[in-house]
Amino acid sequence: MAARNSEIRPIVKLRSTAGTGYTYVTRKNRRNDPDRMVLRKYDPIVRKHVDFREER
């Protein structure tokens, strides 16, 4: 059962577009979001909200 869940919701890294190298780790639903995810989150290194893009 757990193996099936990890296929649908893989763990992805979100890397800051500010170039600081800061990352968040989250899960996404592959059925609802087949494309790469982009979220606007806080980057503590530059002390701003910036876009974080999914990397593989």
Protein backbone atom coordinates (compact mmCIF):
# COMPACT_ATOMS: atom_id res chain seq x y z
CA MET A 1 0.00 0.00 0.00
CA ALA A 2 2.80 2.44 0.84
CA ALA A 3 4.62 1.73 -2.42
CA ARG A 4 1.53 2.70 -4.43
CA ASN A 5 1.21 5.94 -2.49
CA SER A 6 4.80 6.92 -3.27
CA GLU A 7 4.14 6.43 -6.99
CA ILE A 8 1.25 8.90 -6.94
CA ARG A 9 2.87 11.36 -4.53
CA PRO A 10 6.64 11.50 -5.20
CA ILE A 11 9.01 13.56 -3.07
CA VAL A 12 10.26 16.62 -4.96
CA LYS A 13 12.86 19.30 -4.22
CA LEU A 14 11.95 22.94 -4.72
CA ARG A 15 15.03 25.10 -5.41
CA SER A 16 15.07 28.88 -5.06
CA THR A 17 15.21 30.95 -8.25
CA ALA A 18 17.14 33.65 -6.37
CA GLY A 19 20.32 31.61 -6.85
CA THR A 20 20.95 31.03 -3.15
CA GLY A 21 20.75 27.24 -3.36
CA TYR A 22 18.07 27.10 -0.64
CA THR A 23 15.62 24.20 -1.07
CA TYR A 24 12.32 22.97 0.31
CA VAL A 25 11.32 19.31 0.16
CA THR A 26 7.66 18.43 -0.37
CA ARG A 27 5.36 15.90 -2.02
CA LYS A 28 3.15 16.47 -5.02
CA ASN A 29 0.21 14.66 -6.54
CA ARG A 30 1.40 13.50 -9.95
CA ARG A 31 -2.15 13.08 -11.26
CA ASN A 32 -3.17 16.69 -10.52
CA ASP A 33 0.23 18.31 -11.28
CA PRO A 34 2.05 16.39 -14.02
CA ASP A 35 4.19 19.44 -14.93
CA ARG A 36 6.97 20.89 -12.85
CA MET A 37 5.70 22.73 -9.81
CA VAL A 38 6.41 26.42 -9.09
CA LEU A 39 5.55 27.81 -5.64
CA ARG A 40 6.18 31.23 -4.15
CA LYS A 41 7.83 30.66 -0.77
CA TYR A 42 10.13 32.43 1.66
CA ASP A 43 13.90 32.30 1.10
CA PRO A 44 15.59 33.15 4.42
CA ILE A 45 18.96 33.82 2.79
CA VAL A 46 17.68 36.80 0.76
CA ARG A 47 14.85 37.44 3.27
CA LYS A 48 12.19 37.63 0.56
CA HIS A 49 9.45 35.57 -1.01
CA VAL A 50 10.67 34.17 -4.33
CA ASP A 51 9.61 31.48 -6.79
CA PHE A 52 10.78 27.96 -6.02
CA ARG A 53 10.88 25.57 -8.98
CA GLU A 54 10.78 21.80 -8.89
CA GLU A 55 14.02 20.09 -9.79
CA ARG A 56 14.52 16.43 -10.58
